[in-house]
Each structure stands twice: as C-alpha cells, then as structure tokens.
Amino acid sequence: MFTVIAFGFEFDRAVKGLVAGFLITFLSGLFEKFVFETRFRKLNFSIVLLSRTLFYIFIISFSVIMVWVVHESMINNRGLIETINNDDFRYFITRGDFPYIFIFAITISFLVNFLFQLNNLLGKGVLLNYISGRYHKPKSEERFFMFLDLEASTTIAETIGPLKYHEFINSFFFDLSDPVIESKGEIYQYVGDEVVISWKKPNGIKNSNCIKCFFEIRNKIEKLQEGYIRKFGLIPGFKAGVHFGEVVIGEVGDSRKEIVFHGDVMNTASRVQNMAKQLNKQLLISDEALRFLDPGKDYTLNEMGVFKLKGKEIETVIYEVVNK
C-alpha cells in the first residue's frame, strides 16, 4: 500500500513537472522570438544578461506556482482564489518546495543566460568549440568562404563622421547576421568594413547557401532602406567574392585565444572579392566553388574570364552571379 502511495506521489510530481516545463518552454519561446530577438539585440551585454535572467526567474516561478495552484484547486475542489488564500499555499511558498525551486531558478537562469550571451559575443558555436577542445589540435576542413565588403566606406566615413559611421557599419553587421544564420553560415570575423563568412562544405552546398546568403542580405537591406536613409542619409552597398577550398582551423594565442583559419582559400576568396570591385560586379564566384553547386535554376552565371589573381600562380576562372 505504501509503495502504491509513494508511486502515486512521485507520478503526481512528475506530471506537475512536465506541465510546468511545457509552460516555461512555451512562454520563453514566445519571448525569445518576439521580444529578445527583436528589441534586445543591440543593448549592451550586462543589460541583456540582467533582463533575460530576471525574465527567466519570473517565468519559472510563475509557471511552478500556477501549476501548483491549479493542481491543488482541482484535487480539493476549491476555486483558484480560495486555494491561493489557503494556508497550504503559504506553506508551499515559504517553507515547502518553492524556496528551493526559486533558488534553482536564480542559479540556472543566470548561468544559462551568461553562457548564451557569451556564445553570442564570441560567435555562434565558438564557445562550444573552446569548451570541447574541438580545435585545440589543428584540423583540416573543406569550407566555402565569402568576403563581403562595404562600398565607398572611406567616402561615407568622411561624409557622416567617424561616430556616425561606426553606428552605420554596426547596424549593417547586425542586419546581415540573420541571413547568415538562416543560410547555415558562420561569421568568422569583421575586418574594418569587411565581414568574412564561412560555410562547412555540406551547409554551403545545400540550397546553394553560400550564394543564397548574399541575395538574402541584399533583400534584407532593401526592406530596411527607409530606416537607413532616415538615420544615415544613405543605403549600404556591398560586393562579395566566394571561393572554396581546404583550410586548417585551430586555436592560436595565449593571453588572448582565438580560433583561426589558415590556407590559400582565404587569400583567393579575398582576391575574388577585389575583382568584384575592379569589374564593378555585385557577386563573383570562382569555378572551384561553382563545381560543387547547382545554382542554374535560381541564378544566372556570366563568365567574366580567366584571371591570374595577385599572389597566385594558377589562373582562376571567375563568374558573376545574378539573381533571376
């Protein structure tokens, strides 16, 4: 008999835990999608960390209390208000399970959100790579690289001033991050007015993501052009070059560690991007990258010719990519 009672008690707690977990997941999912991802992204680290931590403490506490109140109300055939005014509720809040749950909520909310913010600060997946030691020993990987550069950046900086220019370029980097993530790409680094994006081979090939990303960024900027004109008096223009090849990836440094790529593919991708400037084309891609892709149904390819890129002995065939 005692075994049955104990089993029923544990089953009861398990059901309440599942319901509370569902409620926490549902509410946090809504806020992540419609609040944190839209309104909090440009705030500083500490404010976002504090806001997210307080929110999750509230959500966990609220969900646990609501599940407890509804459950007790049902089994005791009492109204919700009557259940809240009951001594059992006060005991639950002050000396029952809730104080331990509240301490757990504070601890977990802070730790999870601190790691989440740190991951965003370092770049998607970088923190996990550091913790797992994935690239502590150098590894060879095949990747697509896109070098994307703002047009007329020097002229823009002179026109709107250095502080406004920093705000302008920061807004641009913020706005391109979603298309990069959606295309399964990774932002490797920002170099002045240039951003370097990489894709692991399968991610770059799928749906021609390494090409699609460029046009999704362009679509995003076109949608936001009124805001750019209102705030800065201009719309960001940009050109890009894409190349594919083998790179060595590994950790470097001591007092300041970083995961870096080394290999000729980086230099070649940069040179292809420079050719986009010289030829005044929006997006150029090397034949080495194209041989893995099938972009014909969505994009038009125009052969630009065979070029001996700076610093390279082997000539490279380069194509312009135009969105149909």
C-alpha atoms as a PDB file:
ATOM      1  CA  MET A   1       0.000   0.000   0.000  1.00  0.00           C
ATOM      2  CA  PHE A   2       2.775   2.421   0.933  1.00  0.00           C
ATOM      3  CA  THR A   3       4.510   1.547  -2.326  1.00  0.00           C
ATOM      4  CA  VAL A   4       1.376   2.470  -4.292  1.00  0.00           C
ATOM      5  CA  ILE A   5       1.012   5.760  -2.384  1.00  0.00           C
ATOM      6  CA  ALA A   6       4.689   6.601  -2.958  1.00  0.00           C
ATOM      7  CA  PHE A   7       4.363   5.772  -6.639  1.00  0.00           C
ATOM      8  CA  GLY A   8       1.255   7.945  -6.923  1.00  0.00           C
ATOM      9  CA  PHE A   9       3.048  10.805  -5.196  1.00  0.00           C
ATOM     10  CA  GLU A  10       6.061  10.583  -7.493  1.00  0.00           C
ATOM     11  CA  PHE A  11       3.833  10.273 -10.558  1.00  0.00           C
ATOM     12  CA  ASP A  12       1.898  13.341  -9.405  1.00  0.00           C
ATOM     13  CA  ARG A  13       5.112  15.358  -9.065  1.00  0.00           C
ATOM     14  CA  ALA A  14       6.307  14.141 -12.459  1.00  0.00           C
ATOM     15  CA  VAL A  15       3.096  15.296 -14.157  1.00  0.00           C
ATOM     16  CA  LYS A  16       3.314  18.723 -12.484  1.00  0.00           C
ATOM     17  CA  GLY A  17       6.935  18.954 -13.557  1.00  0.00           C
ATOM     18  CA  LEU A  18       6.040  18.148 -17.176  1.00  0.00           C
ATOM     19  CA  VAL A  19       3.219  20.705 -17.254  1.00  0.00           C
ATOM     20  CA  ALA A  20       5.434  23.378 -15.680  1.00  0.00           C
ATOM     21  CA  GLY A  21       8.192  22.532 -18.148  1.00  0.00           C
ATOM     22  CA  PHE A  22       5.813  22.874 -21.082  1.00  0.00           C
ATOM     23  CA  LEU A  23       4.559  26.228 -19.788  1.00  0.00           C
ATOM     24  CA  ILE A  24       8.106  27.532 -19.261  1.00  0.00           C
ATOM     25  CA  THR A  25       9.182  26.389 -22.728  1.00  0.00           C
ATOM     26  CA  PHE A  26       6.105  27.873 -24.421  1.00  0.00           C
ATOM     27  CA  LEU A  27       6.332  31.284 -22.733  1.00  0.00           C
ATOM     28  CA  SER A  28      10.089  31.588 -23.076  1.00  0.00           C
ATOM     29  CA  GLY A  29       9.851  30.600 -26.753  1.00  0.00           C
ATOM     30  CA  LEU A  30       7.366  33.398 -27.414  1.00  0.00           C
ATOM     31  CA  PHE A  31       9.517  35.985 -25.660  1.00  0.00           C
ATOM     32  CA  GLU A  32      12.703  34.796 -27.355  1.00  0.00           C
ATOM     33  CA  LYS A  33      11.113  35.108 -30.784  1.00  0.00           C
ATOM     34  CA  PHE A  34       9.158  38.328 -30.437  1.00  0.00           C
ATOM     35  CA  VAL A  35      10.981  40.268 -27.712  1.00  0.00           C
ATOM     36  CA  PHE A  36      14.612  39.294 -27.147  1.00  0.00           C
ATOM     37  CA  GLU A  37      15.460  38.661 -30.814  1.00  0.00           C
ATOM     38  CA  THR A  38      13.932  41.958 -31.947  1.00  0.00           C
ATOM     39  CA  ARG A  39      14.191  44.518 -29.133  1.00  0.00           C
ATOM     40  CA  PHE A  40      17.189  43.452 -27.057  1.00  0.00           C
ATOM     41  CA  ARG A  41      19.846  42.542 -29.614  1.00  0.00           C
ATOM     42  CA  LYS A  42      21.555  45.931 -29.725  1.00  0.00           C
ATOM     43  CA  LEU A  43      21.639  46.506 -25.962  1.00  0.00           C
ATOM     44  CA  ASN A  44      24.877  46.008 -24.047  1.00  0.00           C
ATOM     45  CA  PHE A  45      25.941  42.691 -22.508  1.00  0.00           C
ATOM     46  CA  SER A  46      25.063  43.484 -18.864  1.00  0.00           C
ATOM     47  CA  ILE A  47      21.589  44.881 -19.565  1.00  0.00           C
ATOM     48  CA  VAL A  48      20.613  41.925 -21.733  1.00  0.00           C
ATOM     49  CA  LEU A  49      22.023  39.447 -19.204  1.00  0.00           C
ATOM     50  CA  LEU A  50      20.132  41.077 -16.314  1.00  0.00           C
ATOM     51  CA  SER A  51      16.892  41.371 -18.303  1.00  0.00           C
ATOM     52  CA  ARG A  52      16.984  37.781 -19.533  1.00  0.00           C
ATOM     53  CA  THR A  53      17.894  36.443 -16.082  1.00  0.00           C
ATOM     54  CA  LEU A  54      15.045  38.298 -14.346  1.00  0.00           C
ATOM     55  CA  PHE A  55      12.626  37.224 -17.052  1.00  0.00           C
ATOM     56  CA  TYR A  56      13.514  33.537 -16.720  1.00  0.00           C
ATOM     57  CA  ILE A  57      13.354  33.691 -12.918  1.00  0.00           C
ATOM     58  CA  PHE A  58       9.853  35.138 -13.256  1.00  0.00           C
ATOM     59  CA  ILE A  59       8.752  32.616 -15.892  1.00  0.00           C
ATOM     60  CA  ILE A  60       9.989  29.606 -13.909  1.00  0.00           C
ATOM     61  CA  SER A  61       8.466  30.877 -10.647  1.00  0.00           C
ATOM     62  CA  PHE A  62       5.176  31.862 -12.270  1.00  0.00           C
ATOM     63  CA  SER A  63       4.822  28.520 -14.072  1.00  0.00           C
ATOM     64  CA  VAL A  64       5.557  26.466 -10.955  1.00  0.00           C
ATOM     65  CA  ILE A  65       3.093  28.487  -8.848  1.00  0.00           C
ATOM     66  CA  MET A  66       0.360  28.312 -11.491  1.00  0.00           C
ATOM     67  CA  VAL A  67       0.717  24.537 -11.880  1.00  0.00           C
ATOM     68  CA  TRP A  68       0.652  24.048  -8.102  1.00  0.00           C
ATOM     69  CA  VAL A  69      -2.422  26.279  -7.631  1.00  0.00           C
ATOM     70  CA  VAL A  70      -4.393  24.669 -10.481  1.00  0.00           C
ATOM     71  CA  HIS A  71      -3.485  21.170  -9.302  1.00  0.00           C
ATOM     72  CA  GLU A  72      -4.438  21.842  -5.674  1.00  0.00           C
ATOM     73  CA  SER A  73      -7.619  23.576  -6.767  1.00  0.00           C
ATOM     74  CA  MET A  74      -8.677  20.529  -8.787  1.00  0.00           C
ATOM     75  CA  ILE A  75      -7.944  17.838  -6.222  1.00  0.00           C
ATOM     76  CA  ASN A  76      -9.506  19.835  -3.349  1.00  0.00           C
ATOM     77  CA  ASN A  77     -12.437  21.127  -5.396  1.00  0.00           C
ATOM     78  CA  ARG A  78     -11.658  24.750  -4.488  1.00  0.00           C
ATOM     79  CA  GLY A  79     -11.523  27.932  -6.546  1.00  0.00           C
ATOM     80  CA  LEU A  80      -8.186  29.405  -7.554  1.00  0.00           C
ATOM     81  CA  ILE A  81      -8.507  32.445  -5.264  1.00  0.00           C
ATOM     82  CA  GLU A  82      -9.563  30.247  -2.353  1.00  0.00           C
ATOM     83  CA  THR A  83      -6.561  27.978  -2.982  1.00  0.00           C
ATOM     84  CA  ILE A  84      -4.175  30.957  -3.009  1.00  0.00           C
ATOM     85  CA  ASN A  85      -5.634  32.238   0.289  1.00  0.00           C
ATOM     86  CA  ASN A  86      -5.257  28.816   1.910  1.00  0.00           C
ATOM     87  CA  ASP A  87      -2.545  28.034   4.480  1.00  0.00           C
ATOM     88  CA  ASP A  88      -1.241  25.247   2.232  1.00  0.00           C
ATOM     89  CA  PHE A  89      -0.270  27.836  -0.374  1.00  0.00           C
ATOM     90  CA  ARG A  90       1.563  29.980   2.176  1.00  0.00           C
ATOM     91  CA  TYR A  91       3.385  26.888   3.404  1.00  0.00           C
ATOM     92  CA  PHE A  92       4.329  25.940  -0.187  1.00  0.00           C
ATOM     93  CA  ILE A  93       5.691  29.450  -0.845  1.00  0.00           C
ATOM     94  CA  THR A  94       7.601  29.936   2.418  1.00  0.00           C
ATOM     95  CA  ARG A  95       8.606  26.505   3.717  1.00  0.00           C
ATOM     96  CA  GLY A  96       7.643  23.964   1.053  1.00  0.00           C
ATOM     97  CA  ASP A  97       9.292  23.203  -2.271  1.00  0.00           C
ATOM     98  CA  PHE A  98       9.063  26.700  -3.729  1.00  0.00           C
ATOM     99  CA  PRO A  99      12.069  28.325  -1.922  1.00  0.00           C
ATOM    100  CA  TYR A 100      14.309  25.585  -3.333  1.00  0.00           C
ATOM    101  CA  ILE A 101      12.761  25.991  -6.791  1.00  0.00           C
ATOM    102  CA  PHE A 102      13.298  29.765  -6.580  1.00  0.00           C
ATOM    103  CA  ILE A 103      16.989  29.360  -5.698  1.00  0.00           C
ATOM    104  CA  PHE A 104      17.300  26.861  -8.552  1.00  0.00           C
ATOM    105  CA  ALA A 105      15.604  29.358 -10.915  1.00  0.00           C
ATOM    106  CA  ILE A 106      18.035  32.152  -9.954  1.00  0.00           C
ATOM    107  CA  THR A 107      21.095  29.942 -10.395  1.00  0.00           C
ATOM    108  CA  ILE A 108      20.079  28.274 -13.640  1.00  0.00           C
ATOM    109  CA  SER A 109      18.700  31.482 -15.189  1.00  0.00           C
ATOM    110  CA  PHE A 110      21.919  33.374 -14.573  1.00  0.00           C
ATOM    111  CA  LEU A 111      24.266  30.590 -15.687  1.00  0.00           C
ATOM    112  CA  VAL A 112      22.328  29.680 -18.822  1.00  0.00           C
ATOM    113  CA  ASN A 113      21.880  33.292 -19.905  1.00  0.00           C
ATOM    114  CA  PHE A 114      25.504  34.161 -19.135  1.00  0.00           C
ATOM    115  CA  LEU A 115      26.659  31.293 -21.362  1.00  0.00           C
ATOM    116  CA  PHE A 116      24.094  32.281 -24.007  1.00  0.00           C
ATOM    117  CA  GLN A 117      25.352  35.881 -24.038  1.00  0.00           C
ATOM    118  CA  LEU A 118      28.971  34.746 -24.056  1.00  0.00           C
ATOM    119  CA  ASN A 119      28.245  32.470 -27.019  1.00  0.00           C
ATOM    120  CA  ASN A 120      26.712  35.410 -28.914  1.00  0.00           C
ATOM    121  CA  LEU A 121      29.686  37.588 -28.028  1.00  0.00           C
ATOM    122  CA  LEU A 122      32.248  35.069 -29.292  1.00  0.00           C
ATOM    123  CA  GLY A 123      30.173  33.898 -32.269  1.00  0.00           C
ATOM    124  CA  LYS A 124      27.729  31.055 -32.768  1.00  0.00           C
ATOM    125  CA  GLY A 125      29.278  27.751 -31.728  1.00  0.00           C
ATOM    126  CA  VAL A 126      32.679  29.220 -30.803  1.00  0.00           C
ATOM    127  CA  LEU A 127      32.187  28.785 -27.048  1.00  0.00           C
ATOM    128  CA  LEU A 128      31.236  25.126 -27.513  1.00  0.00           C
ATOM    129  CA  ASN A 129      34.326  24.604 -29.659  1.00  0.00           C
ATOM    130  CA  TYR A 130      36.518  26.088 -26.920  1.00  0.00           C
ATOM    131  CA  ILE A 131      34.894  24.008 -24.165  1.00  0.00           C
ATOM    132  CA  SER A 132      35.006  20.765 -26.154  1.00  0.00           C
ATOM    133  CA  GLY A 133      38.572  21.440 -27.318  1.00  0.00           C
ATOM    134  CA  ARG A 134      37.493  20.607 -30.843  1.00  0.00           C
ATOM    135  CA  TYR A 135      40.175  22.753 -32.456  1.00  0.00           C
ATOM    136  CA  HIS A 136      42.810  22.607 -29.719  1.00  0.00           C
ATOM    137  CA  LYS A 137      44.757  20.484 -32.169  1.00  0.00           C
ATOM    138  CA  PRO A 138      44.620  21.901 -35.731  1.00  0.00           C
ATOM    139  CA  LYS A 139      42.254  20.185 -38.143  1.00  0.00           C
ATOM    140  CA  SER A 140      41.788  20.343 -41.876  1.00  0.00           C
ATOM    141  CA  GLU A 141      38.320  21.211 -43.211  1.00  0.00           C
ATOM    142  CA  GLU A 142      36.784  21.982 -46.577  1.00  0.00           C
ATOM    143  CA  ARG A 143      34.815  25.214 -46.491  1.00  0.00           C
ATOM    144  CA  PHE A 144      33.227  27.894 -48.616  1.00  0.00           C
ATOM    145  CA  PHE A 145      34.273  31.463 -47.829  1.00  0.00           C
ATOM    146  CA  MET A 146      32.621  34.740 -48.705  1.00  0.00           C
ATOM    147  CA  PHE A 147      34.440  38.041 -48.318  1.00  0.00           C
ATOM    148  CA  LEU A 148      31.810  40.800 -48.262  1.00  0.00           C
ATOM    149  CA  ASP A 149      32.915  44.434 -48.346  1.00  0.00           C
ATOM    150  CA  LEU A 150      31.024  47.708 -47.991  1.00  0.00           C
ATOM    151  CA  GLU A 151      31.238  50.081 -50.957  1.00  0.00           C
ATOM    152  CA  ALA A 152      32.664  53.605 -50.672  1.00  0.00           C
ATOM    153  CA  SER A 153      33.312  53.195 -46.964  1.00  0.00           C
ATOM    154  CA  THR A 154      36.017  55.887 -46.847  1.00  0.00           C
ATOM    155  CA  THR A 155      33.740  58.415 -48.536  1.00  0.00           C
ATOM    156  CA  ILE A 156      30.852  57.505 -46.230  1.00  0.00           C
ATOM    157  CA  ALA A 157      33.053  57.920 -43.136  1.00  0.00           C
ATOM    158  CA  GLU A 158      34.196  61.339 -44.310  1.00  0.00           C
ATOM    159  CA  THR A 159      30.606  62.377 -45.062  1.00  0.00           C
ATOM    160  CA  ILE A 160      28.833  61.309 -41.876  1.00  0.00           C
ATOM    161  CA  GLY A 161      31.756  61.394 -39.432  1.00  0.00           C
ATOM    162  CA  PRO A 162      33.546  58.603 -37.524  1.00  0.00           C
ATOM    163  CA  LEU A 163      30.995  58.100 -34.716  1.00  0.00           C
ATOM    164  CA  LYS A 164      28.025  58.009 -37.086  1.00  0.00           C
ATOM    165  CA  TYR A 165      29.999  55.749 -39.425  1.00  0.00           C
ATOM    166  CA  HIS A 166      30.635  53.291 -36.607  1.00  0.00           C
ATOM    167  CA  GLU A 167      26.889  53.239 -35.892  1.00  0.00           C
ATOM    168  CA  PHE A 168      26.214  52.783 -39.608  1.00  0.00           C
ATOM    169  CA  ILE A 169      28.579  49.841 -40.061  1.00  0.00           C
ATOM    170  CA  ASN A 170      27.425  48.264 -36.797  1.00  0.00           C
ATOM    171  CA  SER A 171      23.806  48.434 -37.982  1.00  0.00           C
ATOM    172  CA  PHE A 172      24.813  46.786 -41.238  1.00  0.00           C
ATOM    173  CA  PHE A 173      26.632  43.960 -39.455  1.00  0.00           C
ATOM    174  CA  PHE A 174      23.623  43.430 -37.167  1.00  0.00           C
ATOM    175  CA  ASP A 175      21.228  43.289 -40.120  1.00  0.00           C
ATOM    176  CA  LEU A 176      23.229  40.762 -42.126  1.00  0.00           C
ATOM    177  CA  SER A 177      23.543  38.304 -39.230  1.00  0.00           C
ATOM    178  CA  ASP A 178      20.068  36.751 -39.647  1.00  0.00           C
ATOM    179  CA  PRO A 179      20.539  35.845 -43.343  1.00  0.00           C
ATOM    180  CA  VAL A 180      23.936  34.345 -42.457  1.00  0.00           C
ATOM    181  CA  ILE A 181      22.451  32.206 -39.677  1.00  0.00           C
ATOM    182  CA  GLU A 182      19.487  31.166 -41.845  1.00  0.00           C
ATOM    183  CA  SER A 183      21.869  30.018 -44.581  1.00  0.00           C
ATOM    184  CA  LYS A 184      23.813  27.886 -42.042  1.00  0.00           C
ATOM    185  CA  GLY A 185      26.814  30.180 -42.348  1.00  0.00           C
ATOM    186  CA  GLU A 186      29.222  31.357 -39.659  1.00  0.00           C
ATOM    187  CA  ILE A 187      30.577  34.872 -39.313  1.00  0.00           C
ATOM    188  CA  TYR A 188      34.311  34.292 -38.970  1.00  0.00           C
ATOM    189  CA  GLN A 189      35.480  37.868 -38.414  1.00  0.00           C
ATOM    190  CA  TYR A 190      34.954  41.544 -39.083  1.00  0.00           C
ATOM    191  CA  VAL A 191      37.894  43.356 -40.629  1.00  0.00           C
ATOM    192  CA  GLY A 192      37.211  47.071 -40.813  1.00  0.00           C
ATOM    193  CA  ASP A 193      34.289  47.428 -43.223  1.00  0.00           C
ATOM    194  CA  GLU A 194      34.558  43.803 -44.354  1.00  0.00           C
ATOM    195  CA  VAL A 195      32.917  40.659 -42.999  1.00  0.00           C
ATOM    196  CA  VAL A 196      34.195  37.131 -43.631  1.00  0.00           C
ATOM    197  CA  ILE A 197      31.556  34.385 -43.714  1.00  0.00           C
ATOM    198  CA  SER A 198      32.229  30.654 -43.941  1.00  0.00           C
ATOM    199  CA  TRP A 199      30.208  27.506 -44.526  1.00  0.00           C
ATOM    200  CA  LYS A 200      31.139  23.920 -43.904  1.00  0.00           C
ATOM    201  CA  LYS A 201      31.007  22.094 -47.215  1.00  0.00           C
ATOM    202  CA  PRO A 202      27.583  20.384 -46.771  1.00  0.00           C
ATOM    203  CA  ASN A 203      25.974  23.599 -45.460  1.00  0.00           C
ATOM    204  CA  GLY A 204      27.366  25.698 -48.296  1.00  0.00           C
ATOM    205  CA  ILE A 205      26.220  23.245 -50.954  1.00  0.00           C
ATOM    206  CA  LYS A 206      22.678  22.780 -49.618  1.00  0.00           C
ATOM    207  CA  ASN A 207      20.306  25.111 -51.488  1.00  0.00           C
ATOM    208  CA  SER A 208      23.438  26.910 -52.756  1.00  0.00           C
ATOM    209  CA  ASN A 209      23.522  28.608 -49.353  1.00  0.00           C
ATOM    210  CA  CYS A 210      26.884  30.258 -49.980  1.00  0.00           C
ATOM    211  CA  ILE A 211      25.272  32.148 -52.893  1.00  0.00           C
ATOM    212  CA  LYS A 212      21.774  32.485 -51.478  1.00  0.00           C
ATOM    213  CA  CYS A 213      23.123  34.254 -48.402  1.00  0.00           C
ATOM    214  CA  PHE A 214      24.325  37.243 -50.449  1.00  0.00           C
ATOM    215  CA  PHE A 215      20.936  37.851 -52.034  1.00  0.00           C
ATOM    216  CA  GLU A 216      19.112  37.361 -48.729  1.00  0.00           C
ATOM    217  CA  ILE A 217      21.344  40.039 -47.207  1.00  0.00           C
ATOM    218  CA  ARG A 218      20.528  42.307 -50.146  1.00  0.00           C
ATOM    219  CA  ASN A 219      16.796  41.667 -49.711  1.00  0.00           C
ATOM    220  CA  LYS A 220      17.072  42.422 -46.003  1.00  0.00           C
ATOM    221  CA  ILE A 221      18.846  45.736 -46.634  1.00  0.00           C
ATOM    222  CA  GLU A 222      16.275  46.688 -49.301  1.00  0.00           C
ATOM    223  CA  LYS A 223      13.487  46.152 -46.778  1.00  0.00           C
ATOM    224  CA  LEU A 224      15.305  48.351 -44.264  1.00  0.00           C
ATOM    225  CA  GLN A 225      16.395  51.044 -46.723  1.00  0.00           C
ATOM    226  CA  GLU A 226      13.945  53.680 -45.474  1.00  0.00           C
ATOM    227  CA  GLY A 227      15.349  53.340 -41.964  1.00  0.00           C
ATOM    228  CA  TYR A 228      18.920  53.666 -43.251  1.00  0.00           C
ATOM    229  CA  ILE A 229      18.059  56.775 -45.276  1.00  0.00           C
ATOM    230  CA  ARG A 230      16.242  58.330 -42.333  1.00  0.00           C
ATOM    231  CA  LYS A 231      19.069  57.635 -39.906  1.00  0.00           C
ATOM    232  CA  PHE A 232      22.206  57.924 -42.055  1.00  0.00           C
ATOM    233  CA  GLY A 233      21.105  59.513 -45.328  1.00  0.00           C
ATOM    234  CA  LEU A 234      22.256  56.536 -47.419  1.00  0.00           C
ATOM    235  CA  ILE A 235      21.801  52.824 -48.056  1.00  0.00           C
ATOM    236  CA  PRO A 236      24.732  50.408 -47.624  1.00  0.00           C
ATOM    237  CA  GLY A 237      26.043  48.927 -50.852  1.00  0.00           C
ATOM    238  CA  PHE A 238      28.330  45.919 -50.883  1.00  0.00           C
ATOM    239  CA  LYS A 239      30.191  43.494 -53.110  1.00  0.00           C
ATOM    240  CA  ALA A 240      31.350  39.958 -52.393  1.00  0.00           C
ATOM    241  CA  GLY A 241      33.545  37.133 -53.611  1.00  0.00           C
ATOM    242  CA  VAL A 242      33.119  33.403 -52.938  1.00  0.00           C
ATOM    243  CA  HIS A 243      35.735  30.647 -53.087  1.00  0.00           C
ATOM    244  CA  PHE A 244      36.051  27.078 -51.849  1.00  0.00           C
ATOM    245  CA  GLY A 245      38.958  25.050 -50.574  1.00  0.00           C
ATOM    246  CA  GLU A 246      40.735  23.329 -47.743  1.00  0.00           C
ATOM    247  CA  VAL A 247      41.737  25.282 -44.655  1.00  0.00           C
ATOM    248  CA  VAL A 248      43.463  24.455 -41.410  1.00  0.00           C
ATOM    249  CA  ILE A 249      41.469  25.544 -38.376  1.00  0.00           C
ATOM    250  CA  GLY A 250      42.842  25.675 -34.855  1.00  0.00           C
ATOM    251  CA  GLU A 251      43.340  27.674 -31.672  1.00  0.00           C
ATOM    252  CA  VAL A 252      46.098  30.292 -31.521  1.00  0.00           C
ATOM    253  CA  GLY A 253      47.334  32.642 -28.819  1.00  0.00           C
ATOM    254  CA  ASP A 254      47.796  32.510 -25.067  1.00  0.00           C
ATOM    255  CA  SER A 255      46.561  35.580 -23.171  1.00  0.00           C
ATOM    256  CA  ARG A 256      44.013  36.099 -25.958  1.00  0.00           C
ATOM    257  CA  LYS A 257      42.934  32.878 -27.628  1.00  0.00           C
ATOM    258  CA  GLU A 258      41.194  32.759 -30.965  1.00  0.00           C
ATOM    259  CA  ILE A 259      40.071  30.055 -33.383  1.00  0.00           C
ATOM    260  CA  VAL A 260      41.501  30.945 -36.787  1.00  0.00           C
ATOM    261  CA  PHE A 261      41.571  29.663 -40.360  1.00  0.00           C
ATOM    262  CA  HIS A 262      44.780  29.343 -42.370  1.00  0.00           C
ATOM    263  CA  GLY A 263      45.070  28.459 -46.022  1.00  0.00           C
ATOM    264  CA  ASP A 264      45.271  29.724 -49.575  1.00  0.00           C
ATOM    265  CA  VAL A 265      41.471  29.605 -49.875  1.00  0.00           C
ATOM    266  CA  MET A 266      41.273  32.685 -47.637  1.00  0.00           C
ATOM    267  CA  ASN A 267      43.624  34.700 -49.837  1.00  0.00           C
ATOM    268  CA  THR A 268      41.874  33.587 -53.007  1.00  0.00           C
ATOM    269  CA  ALA A 269      38.413  34.467 -51.676  1.00  0.00           C
ATOM    270  CA  SER A 270      39.740  37.926 -50.795  1.00  0.00           C
ATOM    271  CA  ARG A 271      41.199  38.335 -54.290  1.00  0.00           C
ATOM    272  CA  VAL A 272      37.897  37.280 -55.898  1.00  0.00           C
ATOM    273  CA  GLN A 273      36.167  39.931 -53.806  1.00  0.00           C
ATOM    274  CA  ASN A 274      38.708  42.522 -55.020  1.00  0.00           C
ATOM    275  CA  MET A 275      37.890  41.531 -58.601  1.00  0.00           C
ATOM    276  CA  ALA A 276      34.244  42.349 -57.872  1.00  0.00           C
ATOM    277  CA  LYS A 277      35.377  45.910 -57.138  1.00  0.00           C
ATOM    278  CA  GLN A 278      37.527  46.113 -60.255  1.00  0.00           C
ATOM    279  CA  LEU A 279      34.848  44.694 -62.547  1.00  0.00           C
ATOM    280  CA  ASN A 280      32.051  46.569 -60.722  1.00  0.00           C
ATOM    281  CA  LYS A 281      30.029  43.401 -60.123  1.00  0.00           C
ATOM    282  CA  GLN A 282      27.936  42.604 -57.062  1.00  0.00           C
ATOM    283  CA  LEU A 283      28.850  38.947 -56.545  1.00  0.00           C
ATOM    284  CA  LEU A 284      31.656  36.918 -58.081  1.00  0.00           C
ATOM    285  CA  ILE A 285      32.418  33.241 -57.522  1.00  0.00           C
ATOM    286  CA  SER A 286      35.339  31.045 -58.518  1.00  0.00           C
ATOM    287  CA  ASP A 287      34.972  27.963 -60.686  1.00  0.00           C
ATOM    288  CA  GLU A 288      36.430  25.950 -57.787  1.00  0.00           C
ATOM    289  CA  ALA A 289      33.389  26.854 -55.677  1.00  0.00           C
ATOM    290  CA  LEU A 290      30.907  26.508 -58.545  1.00  0.00           C
ATOM    291  CA  ARG A 291      31.821  22.905 -59.306  1.00  0.00           C
ATOM    292  CA  PHE A 292      30.061  21.800 -56.106  1.00  0.00           C
ATOM    293  CA  LEU A 293      26.933  23.886 -56.684  1.00  0.00           C
ATOM    294  CA  ASP A 294      23.904  23.755 -58.967  1.00  0.00           C
ATOM    295  CA  PRO A 295      22.693  27.360 -58.995  1.00  0.00           C
ATOM    296  CA  GLY A 296      21.258  27.358 -62.524  1.00  0.00           C
ATOM    297  CA  LYS A 297      17.553  27.250 -61.579  1.00  0.00           C
ATOM    298  CA  ASP A 298      17.738  30.317 -59.325  1.00  0.00           C
ATOM    299  CA  TYR A 299      20.693  32.319 -60.615  1.00  0.00           C
ATOM    300  CA  THR A 300      22.262  33.382 -63.896  1.00  0.00           C
ATOM    301  CA  LEU A 301      26.009  32.813 -64.284  1.00  0.00           C
ATOM    302  CA  ASN A 302      28.097  35.079 -66.523  1.00  0.00           C
ATOM    303  CA  GLU A 303      31.692  34.052 -67.141  1.00  0.00           C
ATOM    304  CA  MET A 304      33.993  37.014 -66.506  1.00  0.00           C
ATOM    305  CA  GLY A 305      37.118  35.325 -67.814  1.00  0.00           C
ATOM    306  CA  VAL A 306      40.320  33.692 -66.631  1.00  0.00           C
ATOM    307  CA  PHE A 307      42.375  35.742 -64.169  1.00  0.00           C
ATOM    308  CA  LYS A 308      45.770  35.391 -62.582  1.00  0.00           C
ATOM    309  CA  LEU A 309      44.942  36.695 -59.144  1.00  0.00           C
ATOM    310  CA  LYS A 310      47.508  38.590 -57.123  1.00  0.00           C
ATOM    311  CA  GLY A 311      49.915  36.262 -55.325  1.00  0.00           C
ATOM    312  CA  LYS A 312      48.735  33.139 -57.206  1.00  0.00           C
ATOM    313  CA  GLU A 313      50.477  31.157 -59.907  1.00  0.00           C
ATOM    314  CA  ILE A 314      47.422  29.179 -61.060  1.00  0.00           C
ATOM    315  CA  GLU A 315      44.809  31.076 -63.057  1.00  0.00           C
ATOM    316  CA  THR A 316      41.226  31.220 -61.774  1.00  0.00           C
ATOM    317  CA  VAL A 317      38.019  31.255 -63.791  1.00  0.00           C
ATOM    318  CA  ILE A 318      35.571  33.725 -62.283  1.00  0.00           C
ATOM    319  CA  TYR A 319      31.813  34.034 -62.797  1.00  0.00           C
ATOM    320  CA  GLU A 320      29.313  36.731 -61.990  1.00  0.00           C
ATOM    321  CA  VAL A 321      26.204  35.518 -60.163  1.00  0.00           C
ATOM    322  CA  VAL A 322      22.929  37.336 -60.871  1.00  0.00           C
ATOM    323  CA  ASN A 323      19.642  36.584 -59.163  1.00  0.00           C
ATOM    324  CA  LYS A 324      16.958  35.618 -61.699  1.00  0.00           C
END
